[in-house]
């Protein structure tokens, strides 16, 4: 991003390569001093995409960009007639992907939470047994591989050290490796067998927002693509993809509640601890919501599956420990309501994220943020938005450095 005012032409160097830069040109050499011919690549970002454009913080700008970034991530990739997704970056390994029966997703931080949603998607839509691993732990485990296994790495920058180490370990074992990244020409894109780009422009704020929902959208497309090779019917694929087209407009409706969410944040800004709860597809969003709050507001927060509430965490509940409940109208809604009643009976304060038209939930929750109705497998694309806005406004009301929170870096390039 810092170079965009000067040039959009880039030459990428691999490890061990050296560039000799002179006024009349550039020569690239390998580690043993052999000259290498390297093609220039053009960055499709422009300088305006790396500016705040009137927003107080990059994070707020990037939250509000999500209707357009989702559109960019899905543009040209949905084939409604066949109920399938066209992912050109995966075409060269399509025959190998048909054979995949086990998927391992590796990532760190927010990207790992996207992977947790991907686990539900791949298993439910494609019938692929899926596990999600911390990239930092992956190479220290003795995983069992066969020729029907694949590893999918997710990294916004494509330069996350732990994620790259995981991919190199998988490559060493001869496993097919896939990537999702926003950075064309990044190390991840060069070292995986195939992959998909986000195409969302630069994300400047350390706390990820638009990259996360873009990763979710791409995981939906991948799950449909893998599913159509297997048991997913044309009608099921078409229904999902038609609704994906509606997601940007539905995100826009949530963003219109920005002032309402800021008002809620003002009532909770001074709490020292917070719980985030969800089930099934929205369990990973609970973890992500907790991460967002702790990243930029420095409030201790925990995200966990609501079904685990009675297995220990309920001991924390009192009037000074509020809970954010993600409870859209889905297959586990009644279970979530039961958990909310457990918290309310112990005088715990509750903020609920619920589906539009649900008035019942107001008798339990102290505050409610509504999302439009959508398919269950797509709810994370919507429920993530209130998590981001709530964390942003709590931190803004505290006067904190939102775009560069203490002790954190945008891309973690060391182990």
Protein backbone atom coordinates (compact mmCIF):
# COMPACT_ATOMS: atom_id res chain seq x y z
CA UNK A 1 0.00 0.00 0.00
CA UNK A 2 2.84 2.39 0.81
CA UNK A 3 4.18 2.08 -2.75
CA UNK A 4 0.96 2.81 -4.62
CA UNK A 5 1.73 6.54 -4.93
CA UNK A 6 4.92 5.63 -6.81
CA UNK A 7 4.18 2.50 -8.85
CA UNK A 8 1.79 -0.39 -9.35
CA UNK A 9 4.40 -2.56 -11.09
CA UNK A 10 5.96 -5.23 -8.89
CA UNK A 11 8.56 -7.97 -9.20
CA UNK A 12 8.24 -10.69 -6.55
CA UNK A 13 11.40 -12.29 -5.16
CA UNK A 14 11.52 -15.83 -3.83
CA UNK A 15 13.57 -16.72 -0.76
CA UNK A 16 17.29 -16.41 -1.47
CA UNK A 17 16.91 -14.20 -4.56
CA UNK A 18 18.52 -10.78 -4.89
CA UNK A 19 17.63 -7.76 -7.01
CA UNK A 20 20.23 -5.30 -8.30
CA UNK A 21 18.29 -2.06 -8.82
CA UNK A 22 19.82 0.68 -11.00
CA UNK A 23 18.46 3.78 -12.74
CA UNK A 24 18.39 1.94 -16.08
CA UNK A 25 16.75 -1.29 -14.90
CA UNK A 26 16.63 -4.26 -12.54
CA UNK A 27 18.46 -7.57 -12.60
CA UNK A 28 17.43 -10.51 -10.41
CA UNK A 29 19.87 -13.21 -9.34
CA UNK A 30 19.51 -16.56 -7.62
CA UNK A 31 21.42 -17.41 -4.45
CA UNK A 32 24.26 -18.83 -6.59
CA UNK A 33 24.49 -15.62 -8.68
CA UNK A 34 22.68 -16.91 -11.78
CA UNK A 35 20.56 -14.22 -13.45
CA UNK A 36 16.81 -14.94 -13.48
CA UNK A 37 14.30 -13.41 -15.87
CA UNK A 38 11.35 -12.13 -13.86
CA UNK A 39 8.11 -10.72 -15.28
CA UNK A 40 6.58 -7.59 -13.77
CA UNK A 41 3.10 -7.89 -12.32
CA UNK A 42 0.54 -5.09 -12.06
CA UNK A 43 -1.26 -4.48 -8.75
CA UNK A 44 -4.97 -3.87 -9.31
CA UNK A 45 -5.34 -1.69 -6.18
CA UNK A 46 -5.36 2.10 -6.54
CA UNK A 47 -4.32 4.74 -4.04
CA UNK A 48 -7.91 5.62 -3.08
CA UNK A 49 -8.42 2.08 -1.78
CA UNK A 50 -5.60 2.67 0.72
CA UNK A 51 -7.04 5.95 2.05
CA UNK A 52 -9.66 6.60 4.73
CA UNK A 53 -12.04 8.51 2.40
CA UNK A 54 -13.57 10.54 5.24
CA UNK A 55 -13.92 7.72 7.76
CA UNK A 56 -12.41 8.25 11.19
CA UNK A 57 -10.59 4.92 11.06
CA UNK A 58 -9.60 2.40 8.41
CA UNK A 59 -11.48 -0.29 10.29
CA UNK A 60 -14.80 1.55 10.02
CA UNK A 61 -14.18 2.19 6.33
CA UNK A 62 -13.39 -1.48 5.76
CA UNK A 63 -16.48 -2.59 7.67
CA UNK A 64 -18.62 -0.38 5.44
CA UNK A 65 -16.88 -1.63 2.30
CA UNK A 66 -18.15 -5.17 2.82
CA UNK A 67 -21.17 -5.03 0.48
CA UNK A 68 -18.80 -4.16 -2.37
CA UNK A 69 -15.96 -6.46 -1.29
CA UNK A 70 -18.34 -9.45 -1.15
CA UNK A 71 -19.49 -8.54 -4.66
CA UNK A 72 -15.87 -8.41 -5.81
CA UNK A 73 -15.14 -11.79 -4.24
CA UNK A 74 -18.06 -13.54 -5.98
CA UNK A 75 -18.09 -11.61 -9.27
CA UNK A 76 -17.86 -13.95 -12.28
CA UNK A 77 -17.66 -17.00 -10.02
CA UNK A 78 -21.34 -17.98 -9.77
CA UNK A 79 -22.93 -20.08 -12.52
CA UNK A 80 -26.58 -20.25 -11.51
CA UNK A 81 -27.69 -22.40 -14.48
CA UNK A 82 -25.57 -25.30 -13.26
CA UNK A 83 -25.87 -24.47 -9.55
CA UNK A 84 -22.08 -24.33 -9.40
CA UNK A 85 -19.21 -21.96 -8.68
CA UNK A 86 -16.46 -21.32 -11.21
CA UNK A 87 -13.13 -20.97 -9.41
CA UNK A 88 -10.51 -20.65 -12.12
CA UNK A 89 -7.63 -20.94 -9.70
CA UNK A 90 -8.69 -24.51 -8.85
CA UNK A 91 -9.21 -25.77 -12.40
CA UNK A 92 -5.70 -27.21 -12.79
CA UNK A 93 -6.23 -29.54 -9.82
CA UNK A 94 -9.90 -30.34 -10.45
CA UNK A 95 -9.28 -34.06 -11.07
CA UNK A 96 -7.34 -34.35 -7.80
CA UNK A 97 -10.07 -32.45 -5.91
CA UNK A 98 -12.68 -34.95 -7.08
CA UNK A 99 -10.84 -37.62 -5.11
CA UNK A 100 -10.46 -35.62 -1.89
CA UNK A 101 -12.23 -37.17 1.10
CA UNK A 102 -10.37 -35.42 3.92
CA UNK A 103 -9.58 -31.71 4.22
CA UNK A 104 -7.34 -30.03 6.76
CA UNK A 105 -7.74 -26.25 7.08
CA UNK A 106 -4.77 -24.35 8.54
CA UNK A 107 -4.79 -20.67 9.50
CA UNK A 108 -4.19 -18.23 12.36
CA UNK A 109 -6.41 -15.76 14.20
CA UNK A 110 -9.40 -14.44 12.28
CA UNK A 111 -8.56 -16.54 9.21
CA UNK A 112 -8.78 -19.66 11.37
CA UNK A 113 -12.28 -18.62 12.48
CA UNK A 114 -13.26 -18.42 8.81
CA UNK A 115 -11.84 -21.93 8.48
CA UNK A 116 -14.08 -23.14 11.32
CA UNK A 117 -17.10 -21.97 9.32
CA UNK A 118 -15.55 -23.73 6.32
CA UNK A 119 -15.50 -26.97 8.30
CA UNK A 120 -19.30 -26.89 8.63
CA UNK A 121 -19.68 -25.92 4.96
CA UNK A 122 -17.40 -28.63 3.56
CA UNK A 123 -18.93 -31.35 5.69
CA UNK A 124 -22.56 -30.34 5.14
CA UNK A 125 -22.47 -29.32 1.48
CA UNK A 126 -19.66 -31.47 0.12
CA UNK A 127 -19.47 -34.45 2.45
CA UNK A 128 -15.73 -33.93 3.00
CA UNK A 129 -14.42 -34.83 6.46
CA UNK A 130 -12.76 -31.59 7.61
CA UNK A 131 -10.54 -30.56 10.49
CA UNK A 132 -9.30 -27.07 11.37
CA UNK A 133 -5.85 -26.68 12.90
CA UNK A 134 -3.93 -23.79 14.31
CA UNK A 135 -1.22 -23.30 11.71
CA UNK A 136 1.26 -22.77 14.56
CA UNK A 137 0.53 -26.31 15.83
CA UNK A 138 0.14 -28.12 12.52
CA UNK A 139 3.74 -29.12 11.88
CA UNK A 140 4.25 -30.33 15.43
CA UNK A 141 1.53 -32.98 15.05
CA UNK A 142 1.98 -36.28 13.29
CA UNK A 143 -0.97 -36.11 10.90
CA UNK A 144 -2.04 -39.15 8.89
CA UNK A 145 -2.19 -38.53 5.14
CA UNK A 146 -3.19 -40.44 2.03
CA UNK A 147 -3.78 -39.63 -1.64
CA UNK A 148 -7.32 -38.48 -0.84
CA UNK A 149 -6.21 -35.72 1.55
CA UNK A 150 -5.82 -31.97 0.96
CA UNK A 151 -4.69 -28.97 3.00
CA UNK A 152 -6.31 -25.54 2.64
CA UNK A 153 -4.43 -22.53 4.00
CA UNK A 154 -6.17 -19.19 4.61
CA UNK A 155 -4.18 -15.96 4.99
CA UNK A 156 -5.12 -12.41 4.04
CA UNK A 157 -1.52 -11.38 3.44
CA UNK A 158 -0.27 -14.72 2.18
CA UNK A 159 2.85 -14.13 4.27
CA UNK A 160 1.85 -15.47 7.71
CA UNK A 161 4.91 -17.39 8.89
CA UNK A 162 3.09 -20.19 10.72
CA UNK A 163 0.68 -20.75 7.83
CA UNK A 164 3.52 -20.90 5.32
CA UNK A 165 5.37 -23.40 7.53
CA UNK A 166 2.23 -25.58 7.59
CA UNK A 167 1.96 -25.49 3.80
CA UNK A 168 5.62 -26.40 3.40
CA UNK A 169 5.14 -29.35 5.74
CA UNK A 170 2.15 -30.54 3.68
CA UNK A 171 4.08 -30.09 0.44
CA UNK A 172 6.89 -32.17 1.92
CA UNK A 173 4.38 -34.98 2.51
CA UNK A 174 3.12 -34.78 -1.07
CA UNK A 175 -0.35 -33.60 -0.08
CA UNK A 176 -2.29 -31.33 -2.45
CA UNK A 177 -2.26 -27.79 -1.03
CA UNK A 178 -4.79 -25.01 -1.65
CA UNK A 179 -4.81 -21.35 -0.59
CA UNK A 180 -7.17 -18.44 -0.06
CA UNK A 181 -5.35 -15.11 0.00
CA UNK A 182 -5.88 -11.47 -0.86
CA UNK A 183 -2.32 -10.84 -2.05
CA UNK A 184 -1.54 -11.68 -5.66
CA UNK A 185 2.01 -12.99 -5.93
CA UNK A 186 2.29 -13.64 -2.19
CA UNK A 187 4.37 -16.52 -0.89
CA UNK A 188 1.22 -18.51 -0.13
CA UNK A 189 -0.02 -18.13 -3.70
CA UNK A 190 3.33 -19.31 -5.06
CA UNK A 191 3.82 -22.28 -2.76
CA UNK A 192 0.35 -23.88 -2.91
CA UNK A 193 -0.80 -26.20 -5.70
CA UNK A 194 -3.78 -23.96 -6.48
CA UNK A 195 -5.92 -21.31 -4.85
CA UNK A 196 -8.48 -18.51 -4.89
CA UNK A 197 -7.90 -14.76 -4.53
CA UNK A 198 -10.16 -12.48 -2.48
CA UNK A 199 -9.91 -9.43 -4.80
CA UNK A 200 -10.94 -6.97 -2.07
CA UNK A 201 -8.16 -4.37 -2.23
CA UNK A 202 -5.86 -3.56 0.69
CA UNK A 203 -7.02 -4.13 4.24
CA UNK A 204 -5.12 -1.60 6.37
CA UNK A 205 -6.57 -1.99 9.85
CA UNK A 206 -4.85 -4.65 11.94
CA UNK A 207 -8.21 -6.08 13.05
CA UNK A 208 -9.58 -7.90 10.01
CA UNK A 209 -13.14 -7.27 8.86
CA UNK A 210 -13.67 -7.28 5.09
CA UNK A 211 -11.05 -10.00 4.55
CA UNK A 212 -12.93 -12.24 6.99
CA UNK A 213 -16.30 -12.00 5.26
CA UNK A 214 -14.60 -12.36 1.87
CA UNK A 215 -12.97 -15.57 3.11
CA UNK A 216 -16.40 -16.79 4.24
CA UNK A 217 -17.90 -16.04 0.82
CA UNK A 218 -15.12 -17.89 -0.97
CA UNK A 219 -15.46 -20.86 1.37
CA UNK A 220 -19.17 -21.02 0.47
CA UNK A 221 -18.27 -21.06 -3.24
CA UNK A 222 -15.62 -23.73 -2.68
CA UNK A 223 -18.03 -25.88 -0.67
CA UNK A 224 -20.66 -25.63 -3.42
CA UNK A 225 -18.02 -26.42 -6.07
CA UNK A 226 -16.77 -29.47 -4.14
CA UNK A 227 -20.35 -30.47 -3.35
CA UNK A 228 -21.46 -30.39 -6.98
CA UNK A 229 -18.65 -32.90 -7.72
CA UNK A 230 -20.25 -35.11 -5.08
CA UNK A 231 -23.76 -35.26 -3.60
CA UNK A 232 -25.00 -31.64 -3.79
CA UNK A 233 -27.94 -31.39 -6.21
CA UNK A 234 -28.37 -28.74 -8.89
CA UNK A 235 -31.35 -27.26 -7.02
CA UNK A 236 -29.49 -27.09 -3.71
CA UNK A 237 -26.47 -25.49 -5.35
CA UNK A 238 -28.64 -23.00 -7.23
CA UNK A 239 -30.58 -22.01 -4.09
CA UNK A 240 -27.39 -21.31 -2.15
CA UNK A 241 -25.77 -19.32 -4.95
CA UNK A 242 -28.90 -17.28 -5.63
CA UNK A 243 -28.95 -16.28 -1.96
CA UNK A 244 -25.22 -15.46 -2.04
CA UNK A 245 -26.11 -12.78 -4.60
CA UNK A 246 -28.43 -11.20 -2.00
CA UNK A 247 -25.83 -11.07 0.77
CA UNK A 248 -24.30 -7.64 -0.13
CA UNK A 249 -27.73 -5.94 0.07
CA UNK A 250 -28.45 -7.68 3.37
CA UNK A 251 -25.12 -6.54 4.80
CA UNK A 252 -26.05 -3.01 3.74
CA UNK A 253 -29.26 -3.27 5.80
CA UNK A 254 -27.23 -4.25 8.88
CA UNK A 255 -24.85 -1.34 8.35
CA UNK A 256 -27.85 1.00 8.49
CA UNK A 257 -28.11 0.02 12.18
CA UNK A 258 -24.71 1.55 12.89
CA UNK A 259 -26.12 4.24 15.22
CA UNK A 260 -28.21 1.66 17.08
CA UNK A 261 -25.16 -0.55 17.60
CA UNK A 262 -23.13 2.46 18.79
CA UNK A 263 -25.85 3.18 21.37
CA UNK A 264 -25.65 -0.40 22.62
CA UNK A 265 -21.85 -0.20 22.74
CA UNK A 266 -22.08 2.93 24.91
CA UNK A 267 -23.97 0.93 27.55
CA UNK A 268 -21.34 -1.83 27.68
CA UNK A 269 -18.07 0.05 27.16
CA UNK A 270 -17.07 -0.04 30.84
CA UNK A 271 -17.45 -3.77 31.47
CA UNK A 272 -14.21 -5.65 32.08
CA UNK A 273 -15.30 -9.10 30.85
CA UNK A 274 -17.57 -10.37 28.10
CA UNK A 275 -18.91 -13.67 26.79
CA UNK A 276 -19.81 -14.46 23.17
CA UNK A 277 -21.95 -17.50 22.45
CA UNK A 278 -23.26 -19.25 19.37
CA UNK A 279 -24.01 -22.69 17.97
CA UNK A 280 -23.23 -24.57 14.76
CA UNK A 281 -22.36 -22.11 11.96
CA UNK A 282 -22.30 -19.24 14.43
CA UNK A 283 -20.05 -20.80 17.04
CA UNK A 284 -17.00 -19.58 15.02
CA UNK A 285 -18.59 -16.12 14.82
CA UNK A 286 -18.83 -16.05 18.62
CA UNK A 287 -15.10 -16.75 18.80
CA UNK A 288 -14.43 -14.08 16.19
CA UNK A 289 -16.63 -11.56 18.03
CA UNK A 290 -14.65 -12.15 21.21
CA UNK A 291 -11.36 -11.76 19.35
CA UNK A 292 -12.47 -8.46 17.81
CA UNK A 293 -13.44 -7.02 21.19
CA UNK A 294 -10.20 -8.04 22.91
CA UNK A 295 -8.03 -6.95 19.94
CA UNK A 296 -9.13 -3.33 19.79
CA UNK A 297 -10.83 -2.55 23.11
CA UNK A 298 -8.57 -4.65 25.40
CA UNK A 299 -11.65 -6.08 27.18
CA UNK A 300 -11.19 -9.68 28.28
CA UNK A 301 -13.69 -11.71 26.27
CA UNK A 302 -14.38 -15.38 25.67
CA UNK A 303 -16.12 -17.01 22.73
CA UNK A 304 -17.50 -20.50 23.13
CA UNK A 305 -20.30 -22.79 21.93
CA UNK A 306 -23.52 -22.08 23.79
CA UNK A 307 -23.96 -25.79 24.47
CA UNK A 308 -20.83 -25.66 26.64
CA UNK A 309 -22.33 -23.02 28.93
CA UNK A 310 -23.31 -25.48 31.66
CA UNK A 311 -19.96 -27.26 31.50
CA UNK A 312 -18.11 -24.55 33.38
CA UNK A 313 -18.60 -21.11 31.86
CA UNK A 314 -21.94 -20.50 33.55
CA UNK A 315 -19.96 -19.99 36.78
CA UNK A 316 -18.89 -16.62 35.38
CA UNK A 317 -22.41 -15.29 34.94
CA UNK A 318 -23.47 -12.38 37.14
CA UNK A 319 -24.73 -8.82 36.51
CA UNK A 320 -21.16 -7.70 35.71
CA UNK A 321 -20.57 -10.36 33.02
CA UNK A 322 -22.64 -9.55 29.90
CA UNK A 323 -23.10 -12.02 27.04
CA UNK A 324 -23.44 -11.53 23.28
CA UNK A 325 -25.71 -14.27 21.93
CA UNK A 326 -25.80 -15.07 18.21
CA UNK A 327 -29.25 -16.59 17.75
CA UNK A 328 -30.67 -16.30 14.23
CA UNK A 329 -33.69 -18.36 13.18
CA UNK A 330 -31.92 -21.61 12.34
CA UNK A 331 -31.90 -25.31 13.24
CA UNK A 332 -30.44 -24.61 16.71
CA UNK A 333 -32.50 -21.52 17.58
CA UNK A 334 -34.54 -23.22 20.35
CA UNK A 335 -31.32 -24.50 21.95
CA UNK A 336 -29.93 -20.96 21.99
CA UNK A 337 -33.10 -19.60 23.60
CA UNK A 338 -32.79 -22.19 26.36
CA UNK A 339 -29.20 -21.08 27.02
CA UNK A 340 -30.23 -17.43 27.05
CA UNK A 341 -32.88 -18.17 29.66
CA UNK A 342 -30.23 -19.83 31.83
CA UNK A 343 -28.18 -16.62 31.73
CA UNK A 344 -31.16 -14.32 32.27
CA UNK A 345 -32.23 -16.33 35.34
CA UNK A 346 -28.83 -15.56 36.86
CA UNK A 347 -29.23 -11.84 36.14
CA UNK A 348 -26.64 -11.81 33.36
CA UNK A 349 -27.11 -9.04 30.79
CA UNK A 350 -27.69 -10.21 27.19
CA UNK A 351 -27.21 -8.66 23.78
CA UNK A 352 -28.83 -10.84 21.11
CA UNK A 353 -28.23 -10.96 17.37
CA UNK A 354 -31.50 -12.25 15.95
CA UNK A 355 -33.42 -12.54 12.70
CA UNK A 356 -35.72 -9.68 11.67
CA UNK A 357 -39.26 -10.11 12.93
CA UNK A 358 -38.30 -12.10 16.00
CA UNK A 359 -40.08 -10.24 18.80
CA UNK A 360 -40.00 -13.20 21.17
CA UNK A 361 -36.31 -12.68 21.88
CA UNK A 362 -36.91 -9.21 23.34
CA UNK A 363 -38.48 -10.76 26.46
CA UNK A 364 -35.12 -12.38 27.29
CA UNK A 365 -32.44 -10.08 25.85
CA UNK A 366 -31.67 -6.61 27.17
CA UNK A 367 -30.66 -5.41 23.70
CA UNK A 368 -31.25 -6.85 20.22
CA UNK A 369 -29.48 -6.33 16.89
CA UNK A 370 -31.43 -7.68 13.91
CA UNK A 371 -30.13 -9.29 10.73
CA UNK A 372 -32.14 -10.11 7.59
CA UNK A 373 -33.29 -13.69 7.08
CA UNK A 374 -31.03 -15.94 4.99
CA UNK A 375 -30.05 -19.58 4.56
CA UNK A 376 -28.55 -21.12 7.68
CA UNK A 377 -25.18 -21.79 6.00
CA UNK A 378 -24.91 -18.10 5.03
CA UNK A 379 -25.80 -16.58 8.40
CA UNK A 380 -22.11 -16.08 9.39
CA UNK A 381 -21.76 -13.56 6.56
CA UNK A 382 -24.41 -11.45 8.29
CA UNK A 383 -23.83 -12.13 11.99
CA UNK A 384 -20.16 -11.13 11.64
CA UNK A 385 -21.15 -7.52 10.91
CA UNK A 386 -22.70 -6.69 14.33
CA UNK A 387 -19.64 -8.28 15.98
CA UNK A 388 -17.34 -5.93 14.07
CA UNK A 389 -19.41 -2.79 14.64
CA UNK A 390 -19.90 -3.50 18.35
CA UNK A 391 -16.17 -3.99 18.93
CA UNK A 392 -15.34 -0.91 16.86
CA UNK A 393 -17.71 1.38 18.75
CA UNK A 394 -16.64 0.14 22.19
CA UNK A 395 -13.01 0.87 21.28
CA UNK A 396 -13.88 4.24 19.69
CA UNK A 397 -15.83 5.31 22.79
CA UNK A 398 -12.78 4.41 24.86
CA UNK A 399 -10.60 6.60 22.62
CA UNK A 400 -8.24 3.75 21.70
CA UNK A 401 -5.95 3.35 18.69
CA UNK A 402 -8.27 1.15 16.66
CA UNK A 403 -6.25 0.65 13.48
CA UNK A 404 -3.00 -0.13 15.27
CA UNK A 405 -3.85 -1.76 18.61
CA UNK A 406 -1.01 -2.30 21.03
CA UNK A 407 1.34 -5.26 20.62
CA UNK A 408 -0.23 -6.38 17.32
CA UNK A 409 0.93 -6.45 13.68
CA UNK A 410 -1.15 -6.78 10.53
CA UNK A 411 0.86 -9.68 9.20
CA UNK A 412 2.74 -11.96 11.58
CA UNK A 413 5.85 -12.91 9.60
CA UNK A 414 7.82 -14.54 12.44
CA UNK A 415 6.99 -17.64 14.44
